[in-house]
Structures are given as structure tokens and as C-alpha cells.
Amino acid sequence: MKLRPLGDRVVLKFKEAEEKTKSGIILPDSAREKPQEAVVVAVGPGKVVDGKLVPMQVKTGDNVIYSEYAGTEVKFEEEEYTIVGQDDIIAIVE
């Protein structure tokens, strides 16, 4: 990974959206919801608050859920990523 986020930013890679409903109906691309679950592929060093570095709560490889409209989508080396602030991450999926 050559993307290195700054501050308290995190680079996420989407998990694929479901192609079928639980009942087996195949969904076209236009009907699929944007996934809110992703894998952390890179983490910044953290944010400086009052002269002290606040460490990051997520690490590379974590599965996370993030806010629906958060982040900036980027394409890098033919892959699509989303860069979000750590505050936009809602939970770590264990």
C-alpha cells in the first residue's frame, strides 16, 4: 500500500455489496446499497491535541462500520478506496 493517510485519517476498502437478497432475488447494480462495512488498509499516525499525540483506535486489517455519507472516494492503482476520519468510524466488527 503506497497510500499513507495523514493525521487521524483511515484508508478503507469496501466489502462487496450483496448481489442477492436473502430470498434469492438478484439485485442490479443500481439497486444495491453502498456498503458501510469495510476493511482498514492504512492508518494515519493520529491527531495532535494540546500538543499530545492521540493514538488511533483502529489498525490495518480491522473490519469496521462507518457513517453512510462519510469520506472521500479515491481510485489508486486501479482499486477504489474511501478515506475517512477516525471520527467517522462507528464500530469495529469482531
PDB file of N, CA and C in Angstrom:
ATOM      1  N   MET A   1       0.855  -1.175   0.000  1.00  0.00           N
ATOM      2  CA  MET A   1       0.000   0.000   0.000  1.00  0.00           C
ATOM      3  C   MET A   1       0.893   1.227   0.000  1.00  0.00           C
ATOM      4  N   LYS A   2       0.730   2.061  -0.993  1.00  0.00           N
ATOM      5  CA  LYS A   2       1.534   3.270  -1.088  1.00  0.00           C
ATOM      6  C   LYS A   2       0.772   4.499  -0.624  1.00  0.00           C
ATOM      7  N   LEU A   3      -0.526   4.340  -0.311  1.00  0.00           N
ATOM      8  CA  LEU A   3      -1.290   5.448   0.253  1.00  0.00           C
ATOM      9  C   LEU A   3      -0.992   5.520   1.748  1.00  0.00           C
ATOM     10  N   ARG A   4      -0.567   6.675   2.211  1.00  0.00           N
ATOM     11  CA  ARG A   4      -0.283   6.848   3.630  1.00  0.00           C
ATOM     12  C   ARG A   4      -1.106   8.028   4.130  1.00  0.00           C
ATOM     13  N   PRO A   5      -2.179   7.766   4.858  1.00  0.00           N
ATOM     14  CA  PRO A   5      -3.035   8.856   5.312  1.00  0.00           C
ATOM     15  C   PRO A   5      -2.345   9.716   6.369  1.00  0.00           C
ATOM     16  N   LEU A   6      -2.742  10.967   6.417  1.00  0.00           N
ATOM     17  CA  LEU A   6      -2.179  11.909   7.377  1.00  0.00           C
ATOM     18  C   LEU A   6      -3.129  12.094   8.554  1.00  0.00           C
ATOM     19  N   GLY A   7      -2.581  12.511   9.673  1.00  0.00           N
ATOM     20  CA  GLY A   7      -3.396  12.812  10.849  1.00  0.00           C
ATOM     21  C   GLY A   7      -4.198  11.611  11.316  1.00  0.00           C
ATOM     22  N   ASP A   8      -5.489  11.847  11.584  1.00  0.00           N
ATOM     23  CA  ASP A   8      -6.345  10.766  12.090  1.00  0.00           C
ATOM     24  C   ASP A   8      -7.215  10.177  10.983  1.00  0.00           C
ATOM     25  N   ARG A   9      -6.678  10.127   9.776  1.00  0.00           N
ATOM     26  CA  ARG A   9      -7.434   9.563   8.650  1.00  0.00           C
ATOM     27  C   ARG A   9      -7.119   8.086   8.467  1.00  0.00           C
ATOM     28  N   VAL A  10      -8.101   7.395   7.859  1.00  0.00           N
ATOM     29  CA  VAL A  10      -8.013   5.950   7.666  1.00  0.00           C
ATOM     30  C   VAL A  10      -8.397   5.643   6.224  1.00  0.00           C
ATOM     31  N   VAL A  11      -7.658   4.758   5.550  1.00  0.00           N
ATOM     32  CA  VAL A  11      -7.989   4.323   4.198  1.00  0.00           C
ATOM     33  C   VAL A  11      -8.754   3.003   4.317  1.00  0.00           C
ATOM     34  N   LEU A  12      -9.949   2.967   3.692  1.00  0.00           N
ATOM     35  CA  LEU A  12     -10.820   1.797   3.755  1.00  0.00           C
ATOM     36  C   LEU A  12     -11.016   1.201   2.376  1.00  0.00           C
ATOM     37  N   LYS A  13     -11.185  -0.105   2.315  1.00  0.00           N
ATOM     38  CA  LYS A  13     -11.536  -0.805   1.081  1.00  0.00           C
ATOM     39  C   LYS A  13     -12.892  -1.445   1.324  1.00  0.00           C
ATOM     40  N   PHE A  14     -13.845  -1.155   0.404  1.00  0.00           N
ATOM     41  CA  PHE A  14     -15.196  -1.679   0.537  1.00  0.00           C
ATOM     42  C   PHE A  14     -15.218  -3.189   0.515  1.00  0.00           C
ATOM     43  N   LYS A  15     -16.153  -3.732   1.265  1.00  0.00           N
ATOM     44  CA  LYS A  15     -16.518  -5.128   1.072  1.00  0.00           C
ATOM     45  C   LYS A  15     -17.575  -5.100  -0.019  1.00  0.00           C
ATOM     46  N   GLU A  16     -17.651  -6.128  -0.813  1.00  0.00           N
ATOM     47  CA  GLU A  16     -18.599  -6.159  -1.930  1.00  0.00           C
ATOM     48  C   GLU A  16     -20.034  -6.096  -1.431  1.00  0.00           C
ATOM     49  N   ALA A  17     -20.874  -5.337  -2.138  1.00  0.00           N
ATOM     50  CA  ALA A  17     -22.294  -5.250  -1.818  1.00  0.00           C
ATOM     51  C   ALA A  17     -22.971  -6.564  -2.184  1.00  0.00           C
ATOM     52  N   GLU A  18     -24.009  -6.888  -1.467  1.00  0.00           N
ATOM     53  CA  GLU A  18     -24.742  -8.118  -1.727  1.00  0.00           C
ATOM     54  C   GLU A  18     -25.356  -8.080  -3.121  1.00  0.00           C
ATOM     55  N   GLU A  19     -25.210  -9.176  -3.855  1.00  0.00           N
ATOM     56  CA  GLU A  19     -25.789  -9.268  -5.192  1.00  0.00           C
ATOM     57  C   GLU A  19     -27.165  -9.903  -5.169  1.00  0.00           C
ATOM     58  N   LYS A  20     -27.487 -10.580  -4.065  1.00  0.00           N
ATOM     59  CA  LYS A  20     -28.783 -11.237  -3.935  1.00  0.00           C
ATOM     60  C   LYS A  20     -29.395 -10.896  -2.589  1.00  0.00           C
ATOM     61  N   THR A  21     -30.715 -10.883  -2.544  1.00  0.00           N
ATOM     62  CA  THR A  21     -31.397 -10.748  -1.268  1.00  0.00           C
ATOM     63  C   THR A  21     -31.371 -12.101  -0.575  1.00  0.00           C
ATOM     64  N   LYS A  22     -31.783 -12.157   0.676  1.00  0.00           N
ATOM     65  CA  LYS A  22     -31.809 -13.423   1.405  1.00  0.00           C
ATOM     66  C   LYS A  22     -32.762 -14.422   0.759  1.00  0.00           C
ATOM     67  N   SER A  23     -33.791 -13.905   0.081  1.00  0.00           N
ATOM     68  CA  SER A  23     -34.751 -14.798  -0.564  1.00  0.00           C
ATOM     69  C   SER A  23     -34.296 -15.241  -1.955  1.00  0.00           C
ATOM     70  N   GLY A  24     -33.129 -14.738  -2.425  1.00  0.00           N
ATOM     71  CA  GLY A  24     -32.564 -15.193  -3.687  1.00  0.00           C
ATOM     72  C   GLY A  24     -32.799 -14.288  -4.877  1.00  0.00           C
ATOM     73  N   ILE A  25     -33.399 -13.125  -4.674  1.00  0.00           N
ATOM     74  CA  ILE A  25     -33.637 -12.190  -5.776  1.00  0.00           C
ATOM     75  C   ILE A  25     -32.310 -11.499  -6.110  1.00  0.00           C
ATOM     76  N   ILE A  26     -31.934 -11.526  -7.387  1.00  0.00           N
ATOM     77  CA  ILE A  26     -30.687 -10.898  -7.831  1.00  0.00           C
ATOM     78  C   ILE A  26     -30.924  -9.398  -8.003  1.00  0.00           C
ATOM     79  N   LEU A  27     -30.040  -8.597  -7.390  1.00  0.00           N
ATOM     80  CA  LEU A  27     -30.167  -7.140  -7.438  1.00  0.00           C
ATOM     81  C   LEU A  27     -29.294  -6.553  -8.540  1.00  0.00           C
ATOM     82  N   PRO A  28     -29.843  -5.650  -9.365  1.00  0.00           N
ATOM     83  CA  PRO A  28     -28.999  -4.957 -10.343  1.00  0.00           C
ATOM     84  C   PRO A  28     -28.101  -3.952  -9.627  1.00  0.00           C
ATOM     85  N   ASP A  29     -27.030  -3.504 -10.287  1.00  0.00           N
ATOM     86  CA  ASP A  29     -26.094  -2.553  -9.676  1.00  0.00           C
ATOM     87  C   ASP A  29     -26.791  -1.318  -9.130  1.00  0.00           C
ATOM     88  N   SER A  30     -27.793  -0.817  -9.831  1.00  0.00           N
ATOM     89  CA  SER A  30     -28.465   0.413  -9.419  1.00  0.00           C
ATOM     90  C   SER A  30     -29.277   0.240  -8.139  1.00  0.00           C
ATOM     91  N   ALA A  31     -29.652  -0.993  -7.794  1.00  0.00           N
ATOM     92  CA  ALA A  31     -30.462  -1.237  -6.608  1.00  0.00           C
ATOM     93  C   ALA A  31     -29.629  -1.598  -5.382  1.00  0.00           C
ATOM     94  N   ARG A  32     -28.355  -1.836  -5.562  1.00  0.00           N
ATOM     95  CA  ARG A  32     -27.505  -2.212  -4.439  1.00  0.00           C
ATOM     96  C   ARG A  32     -27.192  -1.001  -3.584  1.00  0.00           C
ATOM     97  N   GLU A  33     -27.210  -1.226  -2.281  1.00  0.00           N
ATOM     98  CA  GLU A  33     -26.862  -0.146  -1.365  1.00  0.00           C
ATOM     99  C   GLU A  33     -25.344  -0.020  -1.279  1.00  0.00           C
ATOM    100  N   LYS A  34     -24.895   1.210  -1.057  1.00  0.00           N
ATOM    101  CA  LYS A  34     -23.466   1.432  -0.845  1.00  0.00           C
ATOM    102  C   LYS A  34     -23.093   0.748   0.471  1.00  0.00           C
ATOM    103  N   PRO A  35     -22.086  -0.113   0.452  1.00  0.00           N
ATOM    104  CA  PRO A  35     -21.733  -0.831   1.685  1.00  0.00           C
ATOM    105  C   PRO A  35     -21.194   0.124   2.738  1.00  0.00           C
ATOM    106  N   GLN A  36     -21.504  -0.156   3.998  1.00  0.00           N
ATOM    107  CA  GLN A  36     -20.992   0.642   5.100  1.00  0.00           C
ATOM    108  C   GLN A  36     -19.961  -0.139   5.895  1.00  0.00           C
ATOM    109  N   GLU A  37     -19.675  -1.355   5.456  1.00  0.00           N
ATOM    110  CA  GLU A  37     -18.661  -2.163   6.117  1.00  0.00           C
ATOM    111  C   GLU A  37     -17.446  -2.216   5.214  1.00  0.00           C
ATOM    112  N   ALA A  38     -16.268  -2.062   5.812  1.00  0.00           N
ATOM    113  CA  ALA A  38     -15.034  -2.021   5.032  1.00  0.00           C
ATOM    114  C   ALA A  38     -13.883  -2.591   5.845  1.00  0.00           C
ATOM    115  N   VAL A  39     -12.764  -2.788   5.156  1.00  0.00           N
ATOM    116  CA  VAL A  39     -11.537  -3.267   5.787  1.00  0.00           C
ATOM    117  C   VAL A  39     -10.546  -2.112   5.818  1.00  0.00           C
ATOM    118  N   VAL A  40      -9.885  -1.912   6.934  1.00  0.00           N
ATOM    119  CA  VAL A  40      -8.874  -0.868   7.078  1.00  0.00           C
ATOM    120  C   VAL A  40      -7.605  -1.335   6.372  1.00  0.00           C
ATOM    121  N   VAL A  41      -7.129  -0.545   5.402  1.00  0.00           N
ATOM    122  CA  VAL A  41      -5.904  -0.912   4.684  1.00  0.00           C
ATOM    123  C   VAL A  41      -4.716  -0.021   5.047  1.00  0.00           C
ATOM    124  N   ALA A  42      -4.965   1.154   5.626  1.00  0.00           N
ATOM    125  CA  ALA A  42      -3.884   2.034   6.076  1.00  0.00           C
ATOM    126  C   ALA A  42      -4.425   2.981   7.137  1.00  0.00           C
ATOM    127  N   VAL A  43      -3.565   3.341   8.081  1.00  0.00           N
ATOM    128  CA  VAL A  43      -3.963   4.202   9.202  1.00  0.00           C
ATOM    129  C   VAL A  43      -2.933   5.306   9.363  1.00  0.00           C
ATOM    130  N   GLY A  44      -3.416   6.528   9.592  1.00  0.00           N
ATOM    131  CA  GLY A  44      -2.518   7.646   9.853  1.00  0.00           C
ATOM    132  C   GLY A  44      -1.928   7.552  11.251  1.00  0.00           C
ATOM    133  N   PRO A  45      -1.007   8.468  11.589  1.00  0.00           N
ATOM    134  CA  PRO A  45      -0.330   8.405  12.887  1.00  0.00           C
ATOM    135  C   PRO A  45      -1.194   8.824  14.074  1.00  0.00           C
ATOM    136  N   GLY A  46      -2.263   9.567  13.833  1.00  0.00           N
ATOM    137  CA  GLY A  46      -3.122  10.056  14.906  1.00  0.00           C
ATOM    138  C   GLY A  46      -3.194  11.564  14.888  1.00  0.00           C
ATOM    139  N   LYS A  47      -4.037  12.097  15.747  1.00  0.00           N
ATOM    140  CA  LYS A  47      -4.262  13.549  15.807  1.00  0.00           C
ATOM    141  C   LYS A  47      -3.523  14.144  17.002  1.00  0.00           C
ATOM    142  N   VAL A  48      -2.993  15.333  16.822  1.00  0.00           N
ATOM    143  CA  VAL A  48      -2.332  16.031  17.919  1.00  0.00           C
ATOM    144  C   VAL A  48      -3.345  16.965  18.579  1.00  0.00           C
ATOM    145  N   VAL A  49      -3.570  16.748  19.879  1.00  0.00           N
ATOM    146  CA  VAL A  49      -4.493  17.574  20.656  1.00  0.00           C
ATOM    147  C   VAL A  49      -3.728  18.111  21.865  1.00  0.00           C
ATOM    148  N   ASP A  50      -3.712  19.411  22.029  1.00  0.00           N
ATOM    149  CA  ASP A  50      -2.993  20.066  23.122  1.00  0.00           C
ATOM    150  C   ASP A  50      -1.534  19.625  23.200  1.00  0.00           C
ATOM    151  N   GLY A  51      -0.910  19.452  22.046  1.00  0.00           N
ATOM    152  CA  GLY A  51       0.498  19.094  21.981  1.00  0.00           C
ATOM    153  C   GLY A  51       0.802  17.623  22.206  1.00  0.00           C
ATOM    154  N   LYS A  52      -0.253  16.807  22.404  1.00  0.00           N
ATOM    155  CA  LYS A  52      -0.038  15.378  22.639  1.00  0.00           C
ATOM    156  C   LYS A  52      -0.664  14.582  21.503  1.00  0.00           C
ATOM    157  N   LEU A  53       0.017  13.535  21.066  1.00  0.00           N
ATOM    158  CA  LEU A  53      -0.485  12.665  20.004  1.00  0.00           C
ATOM    159  C   LEU A  53      -1.525  11.710  20.582  1.00  0.00           C
ATOM    160  N   VAL A  54      -2.747  11.774  20.035  1.00  0.00           N
ATOM    161  CA  VAL A  54      -3.810  10.857  20.438  1.00  0.00           C
ATOM    162  C   VAL A  54      -3.718   9.639  19.522  1.00  0.00           C
ATOM    163  N   PRO A  55      -3.460   8.453  20.072  1.00  0.00           N
ATOM    164  CA  PRO A  55      -3.265   7.270  19.236  1.00  0.00           C
ATOM    165  C   PRO A  55      -4.547   6.850  18.527  1.00  0.00           C
ATOM    166  N   MET A  56      -4.396   6.133  17.422  1.00  0.00           N
ATOM    167  CA  MET A  56      -5.530   5.641  16.650  1.00  0.00           C
ATOM    168  C   MET A  56      -6.145   4.433  17.354  1.00  0.00           C
ATOM    169  N   GLN A  57      -7.470   4.287  17.223  1.00  0.00           N
ATOM    170  CA  GLN A  57      -8.178   3.171  17.842  1.00  0.00           C
ATOM    171  C   GLN A  57      -8.354   1.999  16.883  1.00  0.00           C
ATOM    172  N   VAL A  58      -8.071   2.212  15.600  1.00  0.00           N
ATOM    173  CA  VAL A  58      -8.187   1.131  14.620  1.00  0.00           C
ATOM    174  C   VAL A  58      -6.800   0.814  14.078  1.00  0.00           C
ATOM    175  N   LYS A  59      -6.669  -0.400  13.504  1.00  0.00           N
ATOM    176  CA  LYS A  59      -5.399  -0.792  12.926  1.00  0.00           C
ATOM    177  C   LYS A  59      -5.647  -1.465  11.583  1.00  0.00           C
ATOM    178  N   THR A  60      -4.619  -1.606  10.798  1.00  0.00           N
ATOM    179  CA  THR A  60      -4.722  -2.257   9.500  1.00  0.00           C
ATOM    180  C   THR A  60      -5.282  -3.663   9.676  1.00  0.00           C
ATOM    181  N   GLY A  61      -6.244  -4.012   8.821  1.00  0.00           N
ATOM    182  CA  GLY A  61      -6.861  -5.336   8.882  1.00  0.00           C
ATOM    183  C   GLY A  61      -8.172  -5.381   9.633  1.00  0.00           C
ATOM    184  N   ASP A  62      -8.500  -4.339  10.410  1.00  0.00           N
ATOM    185  CA  ASP A  62      -9.774  -4.309  11.143  1.00  0.00           C
ATOM    186  C   ASP A  62     -10.941  -4.217  10.168  1.00  0.00           C
ATOM    187  N   ASN A  63     -12.034  -4.908  10.472  1.00  0.00           N
ATOM    188  CA  ASN A  63     -13.295  -4.742   9.756  1.00  0.00           C
ATOM    189  C   ASN A  63     -14.086  -3.706  10.522  1.00  0.00           C
ATOM    190  N   VAL A  64     -14.528  -2.658   9.835  1.00  0.00           N
ATOM    191  CA  VAL A  64     -15.204  -1.560  10.511  1.00  0.00           C
ATOM    192  C   VAL A  64     -16.516  -1.200   9.814  1.00  0.00           C
ATOM    193  N   ILE A  65     -17.368  -0.525  10.566  1.00  0.00           N
ATOM    194  CA  ILE A  65     -18.585   0.073  10.019  1.00  0.00           C
ATOM    195  C   ILE A  65     -18.411   1.575  10.162  1.00  0.00           C
ATOM    196  N   TYR A  66     -18.720   2.306   9.087  1.00  0.00           N
ATOM    197  CA  TYR A  66     -18.505   3.746   9.104  1.00  0.00           C
ATOM    198  C   TYR A  66     -19.777   4.477   8.683  1.00  0.00           C
ATOM    199  N   SER A  67     -19.832   5.775   8.938  1.00  0.00           N
ATOM    200  CA  SER A  67     -21.001   6.595   8.612  1.00  0.00           C
ATOM    201  C   SER A  67     -21.314   6.526   7.130  1.00  0.00           C
ATOM    202  N   GLU A  68     -22.595   6.527   6.798  1.00  0.00           N
ATOM    203  CA  GLU A  68     -23.046   6.294   5.422  1.00  0.00           C
ATOM    204  C   GLU A  68     -22.491   7.281   4.406  1.00  0.00           C
ATOM    205  N   TYR A  69     -22.474   8.557   4.736  1.00  0.00           N
ATOM    206  CA  TYR A  69     -22.047   9.566   3.757  1.00  0.00           C
ATOM    207  C   TYR A  69     -20.657  10.120   4.062  1.00  0.00           C
ATOM    208  N   ALA A  70     -19.864   9.391   4.818  1.00  0.00           N
ATOM    209  CA  ALA A  70     -18.545   9.863   5.230  1.00  0.00           C
ATOM    210  C   ALA A  70     -17.498   9.580   4.168  1.00  0.00           C
ATOM    211  N   GLY A  71     -16.459  10.367   4.193  1.00  0.00           N
ATOM    212  CA  GLY A  71     -15.270  10.056   3.434  1.00  0.00           C
ATOM    213  C   GLY A  71     -15.183  10.608   2.033  1.00  0.00           C
ATOM    214  N   THR A  72     -14.015  10.408   1.474  1.00  0.00           N
ATOM    215  CA  THR A  72     -13.704  10.805   0.110  1.00  0.00           C
ATOM    216  C   THR A  72     -13.310   9.556  -0.660  1.00  0.00           C
ATOM    217  N   GLU A  73     -13.999   9.313  -1.764  1.00  0.00           N
ATOM    218  CA  GLU A  73     -13.686   8.136  -2.578  1.00  0.00           C
ATOM    219  C   GLU A  73     -12.553   8.471  -3.535  1.00  0.00           C
ATOM    220  N   VAL A  74     -11.563   7.578  -3.600  1.00  0.00           N
ATOM    221  CA  VAL A  74     -10.413   7.769  -4.483  1.00  0.00           C
ATOM    222  C   VAL A  74     -10.138   6.477  -5.235  1.00  0.00           C
ATOM    223  N   LYS A  75      -9.552   6.615  -6.415  1.00  0.00           N
ATOM    224  CA  LYS A  75      -9.115   5.461  -7.192  1.00  0.00           C
ATOM    225  C   LYS A  75      -7.597   5.538  -7.254  1.00  0.00           C
ATOM    226  N   PHE A  76      -6.942   4.452  -6.833  1.00  0.00           N
ATOM    227  CA  PHE A  76      -5.486   4.412  -6.773  1.00  0.00           C
ATOM    228  C   PHE A  76      -5.028   3.052  -7.259  1.00  0.00           C
ATOM    229  N   GLU A  77      -4.180   3.025  -8.268  1.00  0.00           N
ATOM    230  CA  GLU A  77      -3.667   1.792  -8.861  1.00  0.00           C
ATOM    231  C   GLU A  77      -4.800   0.810  -9.184  1.00  0.00           C
ATOM    232  N   GLU A  78      -5.823   1.317  -9.883  1.00  0.00           N
ATOM    233  CA  GLU A  78      -6.960   0.522 -10.364  1.00  0.00           C
ATOM    234  C   GLU A  78      -7.853  -0.031  -9.255  1.00  0.00           C
ATOM    235  N   GLU A  79      -7.672   0.393  -8.025  1.00  0.00           N
ATOM    236  CA  GLU A  79      -8.514  -0.026  -6.903  1.00  0.00           C
ATOM    237  C   GLU A  79      -9.245   1.196  -6.364  1.00  0.00           C
ATOM    238  N   GLU A  80     -10.441   0.967  -5.825  1.00  0.00           N
ATOM    239  CA  GLU A  80     -11.216   2.060  -5.243  1.00  0.00           C
ATOM    240  C   GLU A  80     -11.148   1.984  -3.725  1.00  0.00           C
ATOM    241  N   TYR A  81     -10.891   3.140  -3.111  1.00  0.00           N
ATOM    242  CA  TYR A  81     -10.775   3.252  -1.663  1.00  0.00           C
ATOM    243  C   TYR A  81     -11.621   4.427  -1.186  1.00  0.00           C
ATOM    244  N   THR A  82     -11.887   4.453   0.117  1.00  0.00           N
ATOM    245  CA  THR A  82     -12.520   5.591   0.754  1.00  0.00           C
ATOM    246  C   THR A  82     -11.615   6.034   1.897  1.00  0.00           C
ATOM    247  N   ILE A  83     -11.364   7.327   1.982  1.00  0.00           N
ATOM    248  CA  ILE A  83     -10.551   7.869   3.068  1.00  0.00           C
ATOM    249  C   ILE A  83     -11.496   8.610   4.010  1.00  0.00           C
ATOM    250  N   VAL A  84     -11.500   8.191   5.280  1.00  0.00           N
ATOM    251  CA  VAL A  84     -12.379   8.798   6.282  1.00  0.00           C
ATOM    252  C   VAL A  84     -11.556   9.232   7.481  1.00  0.00           C
ATOM    253  N   GLY A  85     -12.124  10.143   8.261  1.00  0.00           N
ATOM    254  CA  GLY A  85     -11.530  10.492   9.541  1.00  0.00           C
ATOM    255  C   GLY A  85     -11.902   9.415  10.550  1.00  0.00           C
ATOM    256  N   GLN A  86     -11.061   9.231  11.551  1.00  0.00           N
ATOM    257  CA  GLN A  86     -11.350   8.210  12.559  1.00  0.00           C
ATOM    258  C   GLN A  86     -12.706   8.441  13.220  1.00  0.00           C
ATOM    259  N   ASP A  87     -13.136   9.691  13.346  1.00  0.00           N
ATOM    260  CA  ASP A  87     -14.426  10.006  13.966  1.00  0.00           C
ATOM    261  C   ASP A  87     -15.607   9.473  13.153  1.00  0.00           C
ATOM    262  N   ASP A  88     -15.404   9.197  11.857  1.00  0.00           N
ATOM    263  CA  ASP A  88     -16.472   8.680  11.009  1.00  0.00           C
ATOM    264  C   ASP A  88     -16.641   7.166  11.139  1.00  0.00           C
ATOM    265  N   ILE A  89     -15.715   6.509  11.817  1.00  0.00           N
ATOM    266  CA  ILE A  89     -15.826   5.066  12.043  1.00  0.00           C
ATOM    267  C   ILE A  89     -16.687   4.856  13.272  1.00  0.00           C
ATOM    268  N   ILE A  90     -17.756   4.059  13.096  1.00  0.00           N
ATOM    269  CA  ILE A  90     -18.734   3.869  14.150  1.00  0.00           C
ATOM    270  C   ILE A  90     -18.381   2.682  15.043  1.00  0.00           C
ATOM    271  N   ALA A  91     -17.888   1.585  14.436  1.00  0.00           N
ATOM    272  CA  ALA A  91     -17.633   0.375  15.207  1.00  0.00           C
ATOM    273  C   ALA A  91     -16.600  -0.498  14.520  1.00  0.00           C
ATOM    274  N   ILE A  92     -15.961  -1.340  15.322  1.00  0.00           N
ATOM    275  CA  ILE A  92     -15.076  -2.383  14.811  1.00  0.00           C
ATOM    276  C   ILE A  92     -15.854  -3.693  14.899  1.00  0.00           C
ATOM    277  N   VAL A  93     -15.902  -4.436  13.797  1.00  0.00           N
ATOM    278  CA  VAL A  93     -16.618  -5.706  13.761  1.00  0.00           C
ATOM    279  C   VAL A  93     -15.640  -6.803  14.180  1.00  0.00           C
ATOM    280  N   GLU A  94     -15.977  -7.525  15.234  1.00  0.00           N
ATOM    281  CA  GLU A  94     -15.097  -8.605  15.732  1.00  0.00           C
ATOM    282  C   GLU A  94     -15.662  -9.955  15.420  1.00  0.00           C
TER     283      GLU A  94
END
